[in-house]
Amino acid sequence: MAKGMLFPDYILESSWEVCNKVGGIYTVLSSRAKTLQDIIRDRIVFIGPDCWTHEIVCPYFREDESLFAEWRLLARDEGIHVRIGRWDIPGQPIAVLVDFKPYFEIKNTIYTKLWEDFQVDSLHAYGDYDEASMFSYATGKVVESFYHHVIGKGKRVVYHGNEWMTGLGLLYIRKHVPEIGTIFTTHATSIGRSIAGNNKPLYDYLYAYNGDQMAGELNMQSKHSIEKQTAKHVDCFTTVSDITANECRELLDKPVDFVLPNGFDNAFVPRGTAFVKKRNTARKRLLEVANALTGSDFGDETLIVSTSGRYEFRNKGIDVFIEAMHRLNNDSALKKNVVAFIEVPGWSGVARQDLVERLNSGLRYDTPLNNPVVTHWLHDPARDNVQNMLNYLWMRNDKNSRVKVIFIPCYLTGSDGVLNLPYYDVVLGNDLCIYPSYYEPWGYTPLESIAFKVPSITTDLAGFGLWANHIKGSYSEIEDGVKVIHRTDYNYQEVAEQIKDTLIAYSAFTEEQVKVARDHADKLSKKALWSKFIGYYEQAYDMALRKASEREE
């Protein structure tokens, strides 16, 4: 940390994804926690939603009633109901889960005050706006109570909220506890994501879009409003990449104060023989599933590739991934058989029983199962984008197809019924991972991929892709560990062709060339460790604390 910079005595940080694994922010917070724990042990406190029941226990949270027991009782007397324990991640930080449901009874009063104090428009709320706002308000009450009863005046404290879902609480603290420095990080603007998700060209017209106007057109007024006003009123407004910083300036009319790139903690990447064993286990299982589903006999020389992440068909580039696999299947230059997995959670049910029976039998089959492209039955296959595109391109995993595409439409938690391996134990079994994103503020999936020594393909519309180019000083190639493809609003066809060409080239790599690419991937990932990136956060903490200090004076 630079000399003279202020650093907090306490960091209180909230997100809908604290102890709640639903997206990339979970990875941001959970991988950064240990670095902060090493600096201010047990004075970093994460606050998340208590959306669990006695029947469904949170698998990421270990309750400890001895932690802040006296405060918990005081908070209860104030109408704040929390469970306190530890987030079961590296560093084991303290986590507070807050029950936000009681605040629905006074929702209209809360929204009225929000309008009067900060001109946030909650009239157009729908979907998850109410739920997120009540959680955010409850978190604000938690921070206020914790500050007064546990921390006390005279300490340097920051409250850091992630995404628009924490905006209401940040504004509450800004008004009611001005001694606390506030930091807001938007990981993707709600309106930018919506523009991209509605198949509108985002980048060529970014300078011309009016955020308020687009929010009205796309029925996003309330989410856009809370995000815009939070950005305006917090002490320090941040985002995760230069790409999203441009969005904030154009769509929220507020430039960010700092860009805080997402780092990674590689403590759970296995080493040495453990790594080799896990990689072999993953490859064996992936090929067993492919063979049982399609009636093939793929061996270990098969090229295993995948894409994964949230099921945003266009934004995450799932469409262009399928198009690239279709072209690859029709190109005679391909040197190896390819099994391509699409690992995104869709609207799916249980694992296919016919597939499970084949896997359990241990026998080899030379005939495919019915619809040999999915591992779990889809509830509404006629409306599923992946299934429809595979059907449209007639990608049915025919016997003669050198490229088989397999859709695993569920979360890889280790108990999916087919692979039965957690995601990180699956990703290291790949030869290449492919993430041709159209809208990707940062891009954790390619960073995770290279941390497990798996070279990846991404685009320069992902923050991570831009960072990889910055490290190299030019466009990064697959030999460097990451292939970064130039992507625009309109060059879908060229992106698909470049993915195909990269896979053909990689399929012809010698063992030594593969080793070099894997080593470069590993080395690049180490440049993105939190120990390197935490310095960006130190700047944000310093700014927020200085502004809070000025208010007190």
Protein backbone atom coordinates (compact mmCIF):
# COMPACT_ATOMS: atom_id res chain seq x y z
CA MET A 1 0.00 0.00 0.00
CA ALA A 2 1.29 3.46 -0.94
CA LYS A 3 2.53 5.62 1.88
CA GLY A 4 -0.08 7.96 3.33
CA MET A 5 -3.10 6.02 2.06
CA LEU A 6 -5.93 5.35 4.49
CA PHE A 7 -7.00 1.76 5.05
CA PRO A 8 -10.17 0.73 6.87
CA ASP A 9 -10.24 -0.80 10.34
CA TYR A 10 -13.44 -2.58 9.26
CA ILE A 11 -14.78 -3.52 5.85
CA LEU A 12 -18.47 -4.40 5.65
CA GLU A 13 -19.32 -5.80 2.21
CA SER A 14 -22.61 -7.00 0.82
CA SER A 15 -23.95 -8.81 -2.22
CA TRP A 16 -26.91 -10.99 -3.09
CA GLU A 17 -24.26 -13.66 -3.78
CA VAL A 18 -22.68 -13.80 -0.32
CA CYS A 19 -23.03 -17.48 0.70
CA ASN A 20 -25.35 -17.74 -2.32
CA LYS A 21 -23.68 -19.22 -5.40
CA VAL A 22 -25.65 -17.94 -8.37
CA GLY A 23 -23.15 -16.08 -10.55
CA GLY A 24 -19.73 -14.58 -11.07
CA ILE A 25 -19.89 -12.14 -8.16
CA TYR A 26 -19.76 -15.13 -5.83
CA THR A 27 -16.34 -15.90 -7.32
CA VAL A 28 -15.19 -12.28 -7.03
CA LEU A 29 -16.01 -12.04 -3.33
CA SER A 30 -15.17 -15.58 -2.26
CA SER A 31 -11.77 -15.58 -3.98
CA ARG A 32 -10.85 -12.11 -2.63
CA ALA A 33 -11.90 -12.87 0.97
CA LYS A 34 -8.69 -14.64 2.01
CA THR A 35 -6.51 -11.75 0.86
CA LEU A 36 -8.52 -9.33 3.00
CA GLN A 37 -8.63 -11.78 5.91
CA ASP A 38 -4.84 -11.91 5.85
CA ILE A 39 -4.76 -8.10 6.18
CA ILE A 40 -7.52 -7.42 8.76
CA ARG A 41 -8.55 -10.81 10.15
CA ASP A 42 -12.22 -10.97 11.16
CA ARG A 43 -12.69 -7.26 10.54
CA ILE A 44 -13.92 -8.01 7.01
CA VAL A 45 -17.60 -8.95 7.40
CA PHE A 46 -19.73 -10.12 4.47
CA ILE A 47 -23.51 -9.61 4.52
CA GLY A 48 -25.82 -11.71 2.38
CA PRO A 49 -29.49 -12.70 2.12
CA ASP A 50 -30.92 -15.37 4.41
CA CYS A 51 -32.89 -17.07 1.64
CA TRP A 52 -32.52 -20.53 3.13
CA THR A 53 -34.96 -22.67 5.12
CA HIS A 54 -34.73 -25.48 7.63
CA GLU A 55 -35.42 -27.89 4.76
CA ILE A 56 -32.80 -26.36 2.43
CA VAL A 57 -29.65 -25.63 4.41
CA CYS A 58 -27.07 -23.22 2.94
CA PRO A 59 -24.09 -25.39 1.88
CA TYR A 60 -21.70 -22.42 1.98
CA PHE A 61 -22.43 -21.10 5.49
CA ARG A 62 -21.43 -22.45 8.90
CA GLU A 63 -23.42 -20.81 11.69
CA ASP A 64 -21.54 -19.93 14.88
CA GLU A 65 -23.80 -18.53 17.60
CA SER A 66 -20.80 -17.44 19.67
CA LEU A 67 -19.86 -14.76 17.12
CA PHE A 68 -21.18 -11.33 18.13
CA ALA A 69 -23.79 -13.06 20.31
CA GLU A 70 -24.56 -9.92 22.31
CA TRP A 71 -25.02 -7.81 19.19
CA ARG A 72 -27.30 -10.41 17.62
CA LEU A 73 -29.68 -10.03 20.57
CA LEU A 74 -29.50 -6.23 20.43
CA ALA A 75 -30.20 -6.34 16.69
CA ARG A 76 -33.20 -8.60 17.30
CA ASP A 77 -34.61 -6.03 19.72
CA GLU A 78 -34.27 -3.50 16.89
CA GLY A 79 -36.28 -5.79 14.58
CA ILE A 80 -33.19 -7.02 12.69
CA HIS A 81 -32.98 -10.81 12.42
CA VAL A 82 -29.61 -12.24 11.45
CA ARG A 83 -27.66 -15.47 11.52
CA ILE A 84 -23.92 -15.12 12.07
CA GLY A 85 -21.22 -17.58 11.14
CA ARG A 86 -18.48 -18.14 8.62
CA TRP A 87 -18.49 -18.36 4.86
CA ASP A 88 -17.08 -21.78 4.02
CA ILE A 89 -14.42 -20.56 1.60
CA PRO A 90 -10.64 -19.97 1.81
CA GLY A 91 -10.02 -17.59 4.71
CA GLN A 92 -13.30 -18.52 6.44
CA PRO A 93 -14.47 -14.88 6.77
CA ILE A 94 -17.32 -13.85 9.04
CA ALA A 95 -20.67 -13.78 7.26
CA VAL A 96 -23.99 -12.31 8.38
CA LEU A 97 -27.17 -13.58 6.72
CA VAL A 98 -30.08 -11.19 7.16
CA ASP A 99 -33.79 -12.00 7.02
CA PHE A 100 -35.22 -9.29 4.73
CA LYS A 101 -38.79 -10.61 4.39
CA PRO A 102 -40.29 -8.56 7.28
CA TYR A 103 -39.54 -5.32 5.42
CA PHE A 104 -42.00 -6.11 2.65
CA GLU A 105 -44.73 -4.86 5.02
CA ILE A 106 -43.28 -1.34 4.89
CA LYS A 107 -42.09 -1.49 1.28
CA ASN A 108 -44.10 1.54 0.12
CA THR A 109 -42.83 3.67 3.00
CA ILE A 110 -39.23 2.69 2.17
CA TYR A 111 -39.72 3.54 -1.51
CA THR A 112 -41.33 6.88 -0.66
CA LYS A 113 -38.35 7.90 1.47
CA LEU A 114 -36.00 6.70 -1.27
CA TRP A 115 -37.74 9.02 -3.74
CA GLU A 116 -37.78 11.97 -1.33
CA ASP A 117 -34.11 11.60 -0.36
CA PHE A 118 -32.49 10.47 -3.62
CA GLN A 119 -35.15 10.65 -6.40
CA VAL A 120 -35.06 6.90 -7.02
CA ASP A 121 -38.05 5.80 -9.13
CA SER A 122 -39.48 2.56 -7.68
CA LEU A 123 -42.90 2.96 -9.34
CA HIS A 124 -41.95 0.70 -12.24
CA ALA A 125 -40.63 -2.12 -10.04
CA TYR A 126 -41.20 -5.68 -11.18
CA GLY A 127 -39.48 -9.05 -10.99
CA ASP A 128 -36.58 -9.14 -8.55
CA TYR A 129 -36.50 -5.39 -7.81
CA ASP A 130 -38.63 -5.64 -4.66
CA GLU A 131 -36.78 -8.67 -3.28
CA ALA A 132 -33.36 -7.11 -3.92
CA SER A 133 -34.43 -3.77 -2.46
CA MET A 134 -35.78 -5.27 0.75
CA PHE A 135 -32.55 -7.22 1.16
CA SER A 136 -30.58 -4.06 0.50
CA TYR A 137 -32.59 -2.05 3.03
CA ALA A 138 -32.19 -4.83 5.62
CA THR A 139 -28.44 -4.80 4.97
CA GLY A 140 -28.35 -1.05 5.54
CA LYS A 141 -30.02 -1.59 8.91
CA VAL A 142 -27.48 -4.31 9.74
CA VAL A 143 -24.54 -2.05 8.88
CA GLU A 144 -26.02 0.80 10.93
CA SER A 145 -26.62 -1.42 13.97
CA PHE A 146 -23.24 -3.16 13.73
CA TYR A 147 -21.45 0.16 13.48
CA HIS A 148 -23.13 1.62 16.57
CA HIS A 149 -23.06 -1.47 18.80
CA VAL A 150 -19.87 -3.31 17.75
CA ILE A 151 -17.46 -0.96 16.02
CA GLY A 152 -18.16 2.42 17.58
CA LYS A 153 -17.01 5.90 16.60
CA GLY A 154 -13.38 6.67 15.89
CA LYS A 155 -12.79 3.68 13.61
CA ARG A 156 -12.28 3.83 9.87
CA VAL A 157 -15.15 1.91 8.28
CA VAL A 158 -16.22 1.33 4.69
CA TYR A 159 -19.41 -0.24 3.44
CA HIS A 160 -18.94 -1.81 0.00
CA GLY A 161 -22.00 -2.85 -2.03
CA ASN A 162 -21.90 -4.92 -5.22
CA GLU A 163 -24.42 -4.44 -8.05
CA TRP A 164 -27.66 -2.44 -8.16
CA MET A 165 -29.21 -4.90 -5.66
CA THR A 166 -27.23 -3.20 -2.87
CA GLY A 167 -27.97 0.37 -3.92
CA LEU A 168 -30.81 1.11 -1.51
CA GLY A 169 -28.68 0.07 1.47
CA LEU A 170 -25.75 2.19 0.30
CA LEU A 171 -28.01 5.23 0.03
CA TYR A 172 -29.47 4.46 3.46
CA ILE A 173 -25.98 4.43 5.01
CA ARG A 174 -25.00 7.56 3.09
CA LYS A 175 -27.88 9.39 4.81
CA HIS A 176 -28.06 7.79 8.26
CA VAL A 177 -24.42 6.90 9.03
CA PRO A 178 -22.34 9.48 7.14
CA GLU A 179 -19.25 8.51 9.18
CA ILE A 180 -19.01 5.35 7.06
CA GLY A 181 -17.31 5.58 3.67
CA THR A 182 -19.41 4.03 0.90
CA ILE A 183 -18.17 2.15 -2.18
CA PHE A 184 -20.41 0.92 -4.99
CA THR A 185 -19.20 -1.56 -7.60
CA THR A 186 -21.32 -2.25 -10.65
CA HIS A 187 -20.16 -5.46 -12.30
CA ALA A 188 -22.32 -4.74 -15.34
CA THR A 189 -24.77 -1.88 -15.83
CA SER A 190 -28.33 -3.18 -15.75
CA ILE A 191 -29.26 -1.16 -18.81
CA GLY A 192 -26.15 -2.15 -20.79
CA ARG A 193 -26.80 -5.83 -20.13
CA SER A 194 -30.43 -5.34 -21.17
CA ILE A 195 -29.52 -3.55 -24.41
CA ALA A 196 -27.13 -6.38 -25.33
CA GLY A 197 -29.57 -9.09 -24.20
CA ASN A 198 -32.32 -7.62 -26.40
CA ASN A 199 -30.16 -8.04 -29.52
CA LYS A 200 -29.53 -4.34 -29.92
CA PRO A 201 -26.06 -3.20 -31.02
CA LEU A 202 -24.43 -1.86 -27.86
CA TYR A 203 -20.92 -0.79 -28.78
CA ASP A 204 -21.22 1.10 -32.08
CA TYR A 205 -24.05 3.20 -30.68
CA LEU A 206 -22.97 3.49 -27.04
CA TYR A 207 -22.18 7.18 -27.43
CA ALA A 208 -25.68 7.80 -28.84
CA TYR A 209 -27.76 5.89 -26.30
CA ASN A 210 -29.49 7.79 -23.52
CA GLY A 211 -29.65 5.56 -20.45
CA ASP A 212 -32.93 6.98 -19.13
CA GLN A 213 -34.60 6.71 -22.52
CA MET A 214 -33.43 3.12 -23.03
CA ALA A 215 -34.57 2.20 -19.52
CA GLY A 216 -38.08 3.35 -20.45
CA GLU A 217 -38.00 1.48 -23.76
CA LEU A 218 -36.81 -1.76 -22.15
CA ASN A 219 -38.95 -1.47 -19.01
CA MET A 220 -35.89 -1.12 -16.77
CA GLN A 221 -36.70 2.23 -15.14
CA SER A 222 -36.44 1.19 -11.49
CA LYS A 223 -33.26 -0.89 -11.71
CA HIS A 224 -31.63 1.81 -13.83
CA SER A 225 -32.77 4.52 -11.42
CA ILE A 226 -31.38 2.90 -8.26
CA GLU A 227 -28.11 2.14 -10.03
CA LYS A 228 -27.73 5.65 -11.43
CA GLN A 229 -28.55 7.43 -8.16
CA THR A 230 -26.32 5.12 -6.12
CA ALA A 231 -23.42 5.80 -8.48
CA LYS A 232 -24.05 9.52 -8.08
CA HIS A 233 -24.23 9.64 -4.27
CA VAL A 234 -21.68 7.12 -2.95
CA ASP A 235 -18.19 8.21 -1.92
CA CYS A 236 -16.47 5.98 -4.46
CA PHE A 237 -18.04 4.54 -7.62
CA THR A 238 -16.21 1.63 -9.26
CA THR A 239 -16.54 -1.06 -11.89
CA VAL A 240 -14.51 -4.06 -13.05
CA SER A 241 -13.14 -3.16 -16.49
CA ASP A 242 -12.56 -0.32 -18.93
CA ILE A 243 -15.40 -1.68 -21.07
CA THR A 244 -17.93 -1.23 -18.27
CA ALA A 245 -16.38 2.11 -17.31
CA ASN A 246 -17.39 3.35 -20.78
CA GLU A 247 -20.93 2.07 -20.18
CA CYS A 248 -21.14 3.87 -16.84
CA ARG A 249 -20.03 7.16 -18.35
CA GLU A 250 -22.47 6.95 -21.26
CA LEU A 251 -25.50 5.20 -19.71
CA LEU A 252 -25.36 6.27 -16.05
CA ASP A 253 -23.95 9.74 -16.77
CA LYS A 254 -21.35 9.14 -14.06
CA PRO A 255 -17.70 8.28 -14.73
CA VAL A 256 -16.27 5.69 -12.36
CA ASP A 257 -13.64 6.73 -9.84
CA PHE A 258 -11.63 3.51 -10.17
CA VAL A 259 -11.59 0.30 -12.19
CA LEU A 260 -11.23 -2.71 -9.88
CA PRO A 261 -10.30 -5.73 -12.04
CA ASN A 262 -11.31 -9.13 -10.75
CA GLY A 263 -8.49 -11.23 -9.40
CA PHE A 264 -8.28 -14.89 -8.55
CA ASP A 265 -7.14 -17.01 -5.62
CA ASN A 266 -5.43 -20.17 -6.86
CA ALA A 267 -5.18 -21.78 -3.41
CA PHE A 268 -7.61 -24.53 -4.46
CA VAL A 269 -5.85 -25.37 -7.74
CA PRO A 270 -4.36 -28.81 -7.08
CA ARG A 271 -0.62 -29.25 -7.39
CA GLY A 272 1.68 -31.95 -8.73
CA THR A 273 0.36 -35.51 -8.76
CA ALA A 274 -2.99 -34.37 -7.32
CA PHE A 275 -3.49 -32.15 -10.39
CA VAL A 276 -2.62 -34.98 -12.80
CA LYS A 277 -4.95 -37.37 -10.98
CA LYS A 278 -7.88 -34.93 -11.04
CA ARG A 279 -7.29 -34.11 -14.71
CA ASN A 280 -7.26 -37.79 -15.64
CA THR A 281 -10.42 -38.41 -13.60
CA ALA A 282 -12.22 -35.52 -15.32
CA ARG A 283 -11.20 -36.58 -18.82
CA LYS A 284 -12.20 -40.18 -18.17
CA ARG A 285 -15.63 -39.15 -16.91
CA LEU A 286 -16.27 -36.63 -19.69
CA LEU A 287 -15.43 -39.20 -22.35
CA GLU A 288 -17.53 -41.88 -20.61
CA VAL A 289 -20.53 -39.54 -20.72
CA ALA A 290 -19.90 -38.65 -24.38
CA ASN A 291 -19.52 -42.29 -25.39
CA ALA A 292 -22.56 -43.50 -23.47
CA LEU A 293 -24.76 -40.71 -24.84
CA THR A 294 -23.68 -40.87 -28.48
CA GLY A 295 -22.65 -44.52 -28.86
CA SER A 296 -19.10 -43.48 -29.76
CA ASP A 297 -15.70 -44.77 -28.76
CA PHE A 298 -13.67 -41.64 -28.11
CA GLY A 299 -10.28 -42.25 -26.49
CA ASP A 300 -8.00 -39.96 -24.50
CA GLU A 301 -6.50 -38.45 -27.65
CA THR A 302 -9.88 -36.75 -28.23
CA LEU A 303 -9.85 -32.96 -28.04
CA ILE A 304 -12.18 -31.94 -25.18
CA VAL A 305 -13.47 -28.37 -25.31
CA SER A 306 -16.20 -26.53 -23.47
CA THR A 307 -18.02 -23.31 -22.82
CA SER A 308 -19.75 -22.46 -19.55
CA GLY A 309 -21.27 -19.69 -17.48
CA ARG A 310 -24.66 -18.06 -17.23
CA TYR A 311 -27.29 -19.04 -19.81
CA GLU A 312 -27.21 -15.78 -21.76
CA PHE A 313 -27.35 -17.19 -25.26
CA ARG A 314 -26.03 -14.17 -27.17
CA ASN A 315 -24.21 -12.24 -24.45
CA LYS A 316 -22.02 -15.20 -23.46
CA GLY A 317 -21.46 -16.22 -27.09
CA ILE A 318 -23.13 -19.62 -26.78
CA ASP A 319 -24.64 -19.08 -30.23
CA VAL A 320 -21.28 -18.43 -31.88
CA PHE A 321 -19.75 -21.39 -30.01
CA ILE A 322 -22.33 -23.72 -31.60
CA GLU A 323 -21.81 -22.12 -35.01
CA ALA A 324 -18.05 -22.67 -34.69
CA MET A 325 -18.56 -26.34 -33.78
CA HIS A 326 -20.83 -26.75 -36.80
CA ARG A 327 -18.16 -25.34 -39.10
CA LEU A 328 -15.46 -27.42 -37.44
CA ASN A 329 -17.45 -30.59 -38.05
CA ASN A 330 -17.50 -29.80 -41.78
CA ASP A 331 -13.81 -28.96 -42.13
CA SER A 332 -11.54 -31.79 -43.30
CA ALA A 333 -8.47 -30.04 -41.87
CA LEU A 334 -9.44 -31.09 -38.33
CA LYS A 335 -6.79 -33.50 -37.03
CA LYS A 336 -8.67 -34.99 -34.04
CA ASN A 337 -12.12 -35.95 -32.91
CA VAL A 338 -13.72 -33.26 -30.74
CA VAL A 339 -16.21 -33.45 -27.90
CA ALA A 340 -17.62 -30.00 -27.12
CA PHE A 341 -19.54 -29.48 -23.88
CA ILE A 342 -21.97 -26.64 -23.21
CA GLU A 343 -22.13 -26.35 -19.43
CA VAL A 344 -24.78 -23.75 -18.69
CA PRO A 345 -27.71 -24.20 -16.28
CA GLY A 346 -30.97 -24.24 -18.23
CA TRP A 347 -34.53 -25.16 -17.34
CA SER A 348 -33.82 -28.81 -16.81
CA GLY A 349 -35.05 -31.65 -14.67
CA VAL A 350 -33.35 -34.79 -13.43
CA ALA A 351 -30.51 -36.63 -15.10
CA ARG A 352 -31.57 -38.89 -17.97
CA GLN A 353 -32.20 -42.31 -16.53
CA ASP A 354 -31.27 -44.08 -19.78
CA LEU A 355 -27.90 -42.31 -19.73
CA VAL A 356 -27.32 -43.10 -16.05
CA GLU A 357 -28.10 -46.78 -16.69
CA ARG A 358 -25.56 -46.91 -19.52
CA LEU A 359 -22.91 -45.24 -17.38
CA ASN A 360 -23.55 -47.59 -14.48
CA SER A 361 -23.43 -50.69 -16.69
CA GLY A 362 -19.79 -50.18 -17.59
CA LEU A 363 -20.54 -51.52 -21.07
CA ARG A 364 -19.70 -49.92 -24.43
CA TYR A 365 -22.58 -49.08 -26.76
CA ASP A 366 -22.37 -48.47 -30.49
CA THR A 367 -25.80 -46.86 -30.86
CA PRO A 368 -26.76 -43.39 -29.63
CA LEU A 369 -29.55 -42.67 -27.19
CA ASN A 370 -32.60 -40.75 -28.31
CA ASN A 371 -31.70 -37.03 -28.62
CA PRO A 372 -28.01 -37.67 -27.86
CA VAL A 373 -27.14 -34.03 -27.23
CA VAL A 374 -28.52 -33.48 -23.69
CA THR A 375 -27.55 -35.13 -20.40
CA HIS A 376 -30.63 -33.94 -18.46
CA TRP A 377 -34.15 -33.72 -19.84
CA LEU A 378 -35.25 -30.17 -20.59
CA HIS A 379 -38.66 -29.05 -19.33
CA ASP A 380 -39.43 -27.12 -22.52
CA PRO A 381 -37.01 -28.21 -25.26
CA ALA A 382 -39.05 -26.50 -27.98
CA ARG A 383 -38.15 -23.12 -26.46
CA ASP A 384 -34.57 -23.90 -25.46
CA ASN A 385 -32.08 -21.88 -27.50
CA VAL A 386 -29.28 -24.45 -27.42
CA GLN A 387 -31.53 -27.35 -28.42
CA ASN A 388 -33.17 -25.27 -31.15
CA MET A 389 -29.90 -24.13 -32.70
CA LEU A 390 -28.49 -27.66 -32.67
CA ASN A 391 -31.67 -28.87 -34.38
CA TYR A 392 -31.59 -26.02 -36.91
CA LEU A 393 -27.99 -26.85 -37.87
CA TRP A 394 -28.84 -30.56 -37.89
CA MET A 395 -26.21 -31.24 -35.24
CA ARG A 396 -27.58 -34.53 -33.94
CA ASN A 397 -24.27 -36.16 -32.99
CA ASP A 398 -24.53 -38.57 -35.90
CA LYS A 399 -22.21 -41.56 -35.97
CA ASN A 400 -19.97 -39.98 -38.62
CA SER A 401 -19.71 -36.57 -36.93
CA ARG A 402 -16.13 -35.88 -35.84
CA VAL A 403 -17.44 -33.14 -33.55
CA LYS A 404 -19.99 -34.12 -30.92
CA VAL A 405 -21.73 -31.30 -29.01
CA ILE A 406 -23.17 -32.19 -25.60
CA PHE A 407 -25.40 -29.89 -23.54
CA ILE A 408 -25.16 -30.25 -19.74
CA PRO A 409 -28.00 -27.92 -18.65
CA CYS A 410 -27.40 -27.88 -14.90
CA TYR A 411 -25.12 -26.49 -12.20
CA LEU A 412 -22.02 -28.63 -11.77
CA THR A 413 -22.06 -28.95 -7.99
CA GLY A 414 -20.76 -32.50 -7.80
CA SER A 415 -24.20 -34.07 -7.52
CA ASP A 416 -25.77 -33.50 -10.95
CA GLY A 417 -26.43 -37.23 -11.44
CA VAL A 418 -24.25 -37.63 -14.55
CA LEU A 419 -20.77 -36.13 -14.20
CA ASN A 420 -20.98 -35.92 -10.40
CA LEU A 421 -17.93 -33.67 -10.30
CA PRO A 422 -17.83 -30.03 -9.15
CA TYR A 423 -17.14 -27.43 -11.84
CA TYR A 424 -13.48 -26.84 -10.94
CA ASP A 425 -12.83 -30.58 -11.07
CA VAL A 426 -14.40 -30.64 -14.54
CA VAL A 427 -12.73 -27.59 -16.09
CA LEU A 428 -9.20 -28.96 -15.65
CA GLY A 429 -10.12 -31.96 -17.83
CA ASN A 430 -10.49 -29.75 -20.90
CA ASP A 431 -7.95 -29.18 -23.64
CA LEU A 432 -9.42 -25.78 -24.51
CA CYS A 433 -12.17 -23.59 -23.07
CA ILE A 434 -14.04 -21.20 -25.34
CA TYR A 435 -15.88 -18.04 -24.23
CA PRO A 436 -16.66 -15.88 -27.29
CA SER A 437 -18.57 -13.28 -25.28
CA TYR A 438 -20.46 -10.37 -26.78
CA TYR A 439 -21.24 -8.77 -23.41
CA GLU A 440 -18.77 -9.63 -20.64
CA PRO A 441 -17.70 -6.86 -18.25
CA TRP A 442 -14.83 -8.99 -16.91
CA GLY A 443 -14.93 -12.72 -17.66
CA TYR A 444 -14.11 -15.07 -14.83
CA THR A 445 -14.55 -18.25 -16.82
CA PRO A 446 -11.45 -17.78 -19.01
CA LEU A 447 -9.44 -16.68 -15.97
CA GLU A 448 -10.51 -19.81 -14.09
CA SER A 449 -9.68 -21.87 -17.15
CA ILE A 450 -6.08 -20.69 -17.44
CA ALA A 451 -5.61 -21.00 -13.65
CA PHE A 452 -6.13 -24.73 -14.24
CA LYS A 453 -3.59 -24.63 -17.11
CA VAL A 454 -6.28 -24.91 -19.78
CA PRO A 455 -5.73 -22.42 -22.64
CA SER A 456 -8.84 -20.45 -23.51
CA ILE A 457 -10.42 -18.43 -26.29
CA THR A 458 -12.20 -15.17 -25.46
CA THR A 459 -12.90 -11.82 -27.13
CA ASP A 460 -11.88 -8.20 -26.77
CA LEU A 461 -15.45 -7.40 -25.66
CA ALA A 462 -14.57 -9.13 -22.37
CA GLY A 463 -12.64 -7.18 -19.77
CA PHE A 464 -10.37 -10.17 -19.23
CA GLY A 465 -9.62 -10.35 -22.95
CA LEU A 466 -8.56 -6.70 -22.97
CA TRP A 467 -6.39 -7.33 -19.93
CA ALA A 468 -4.70 -10.31 -21.62
CA ASN A 469 -3.97 -8.13 -24.65
CA HIS A 470 -2.60 -5.41 -22.37
CA ILE A 471 -0.23 -7.87 -20.69
CA LYS A 472 1.12 -9.04 -24.05
CA GLY A 473 1.13 -5.60 -25.68
CA SER A 474 -0.74 -6.90 -28.72
CA TYR A 475 -3.47 -9.42 -29.52
CA SER A 476 -2.89 -12.53 -27.44
CA GLU A 477 -2.72 -15.86 -29.33
CA ILE A 478 -3.46 -19.42 -28.24
CA GLU A 479 0.29 -20.06 -27.91
CA ASP A 480 0.28 -17.35 -25.21
CA GLY A 481 -2.34 -19.28 -23.23
CA VAL A 482 -5.28 -17.08 -24.29
CA LYS A 483 -6.54 -16.41 -27.79
CA VAL A 484 -8.30 -13.03 -27.90
CA ILE A 485 -10.59 -12.59 -30.92
CA HIS A 486 -11.66 -9.15 -32.08
CA ARG A 487 -15.44 -8.91 -31.77
CA THR A 488 -17.87 -6.16 -32.76
CA ASP A 489 -21.62 -5.72 -32.97
CA TYR A 490 -21.68 -7.29 -36.42
CA ASN A 491 -18.77 -9.74 -37.02
CA TYR A 492 -20.41 -12.93 -35.69
CA GLN A 493 -19.38 -14.92 -38.78
CA GLU A 494 -15.73 -13.94 -38.53
CA VAL A 495 -15.63 -14.84 -34.83
CA ALA A 496 -17.04 -18.32 -35.52
CA GLU A 497 -14.48 -18.81 -38.31
CA GLN A 498 -11.58 -17.75 -36.06
CA ILE A 499 -12.68 -20.17 -33.32
CA LYS A 500 -12.83 -22.97 -35.88
CA ASP A 501 -9.40 -22.08 -37.28
CA THR A 502 -7.88 -21.89 -33.77
CA LEU A 503 -9.22 -25.35 -32.90
CA ILE A 504 -7.90 -26.80 -36.15
CA ALA A 505 -4.47 -25.32 -35.44
CA TYR A 506 -4.52 -26.56 -31.84
CA SER A 507 -5.55 -30.06 -32.93
CA ALA A 508 -2.29 -30.23 -34.90
CA PHE A 509 -0.08 -29.02 -32.04
CA THR A 510 2.73 -31.28 -30.94
CA GLU A 511 2.97 -32.33 -27.31
CA GLU A 512 5.66 -29.71 -26.80
CA GLN A 513 3.50 -26.94 -28.33
CA VAL A 514 0.59 -27.94 -26.09
CA LYS A 515 2.87 -27.88 -23.06
CA VAL A 516 4.09 -24.38 -23.95
CA ALA A 517 0.52 -23.08 -24.32
CA ARG A 518 -0.51 -24.65 -21.01
CA ASP A 519 2.55 -23.23 -19.23
CA HIS A 520 1.84 -19.77 -20.63
CA ALA A 521 -1.78 -20.03 -19.47
CA ASP A 522 -0.60 -20.90 -15.97
CA LYS A 523 1.91 -18.02 -15.87
CA LEU A 524 -0.64 -15.50 -17.15
CA SER A 525 -3.16 -16.52 -14.47
CA LYS A 526 -0.60 -15.77 -11.77
CA LYS A 527 -0.46 -12.15 -12.94
CA ALA A 528 -4.16 -11.87 -11.99
CA LEU A 529 -3.88 -13.12 -8.40
CA TRP A 530 -5.63 -11.03 -5.75
CA SER A 531 -2.27 -10.34 -4.16
CA LYS A 532 -1.52 -8.33 -7.33
CA PHE A 533 -4.97 -6.74 -7.77
CA ILE A 534 -5.83 -5.80 -4.17
CA GLY A 535 -3.91 -2.55 -4.68
CA TYR A 536 -6.75 -1.24 -6.85
CA TYR A 537 -9.12 -1.74 -3.91
CA GLU A 538 -6.77 0.10 -1.59
CA GLN A 539 -7.23 3.20 -3.77
CA ALA A 540 -11.01 2.91 -3.48
CA TYR A 541 -10.88 2.42 0.31
CA ASP A 542 -8.65 5.47 0.65
CA MET A 543 -11.00 7.67 -1.37
CA ALA A 544 -14.13 6.56 0.51
CA LEU A 545 -12.49 7.05 3.91
CA ARG A 546 -11.20 10.52 3.01
CA LYS A 547 -14.66 11.66 1.91
CA ALA A 548 -16.24 10.26 5.09
CA SER A 549 -13.58 12.02 7.14
CA GLU A 550 -14.33 15.33 5.41
CA ARG A 551 -18.01 14.99 6.32
CA GLU A 552 -17.18 14.43 9.98
CA GLU A 553 -14.93 17.49 10.03
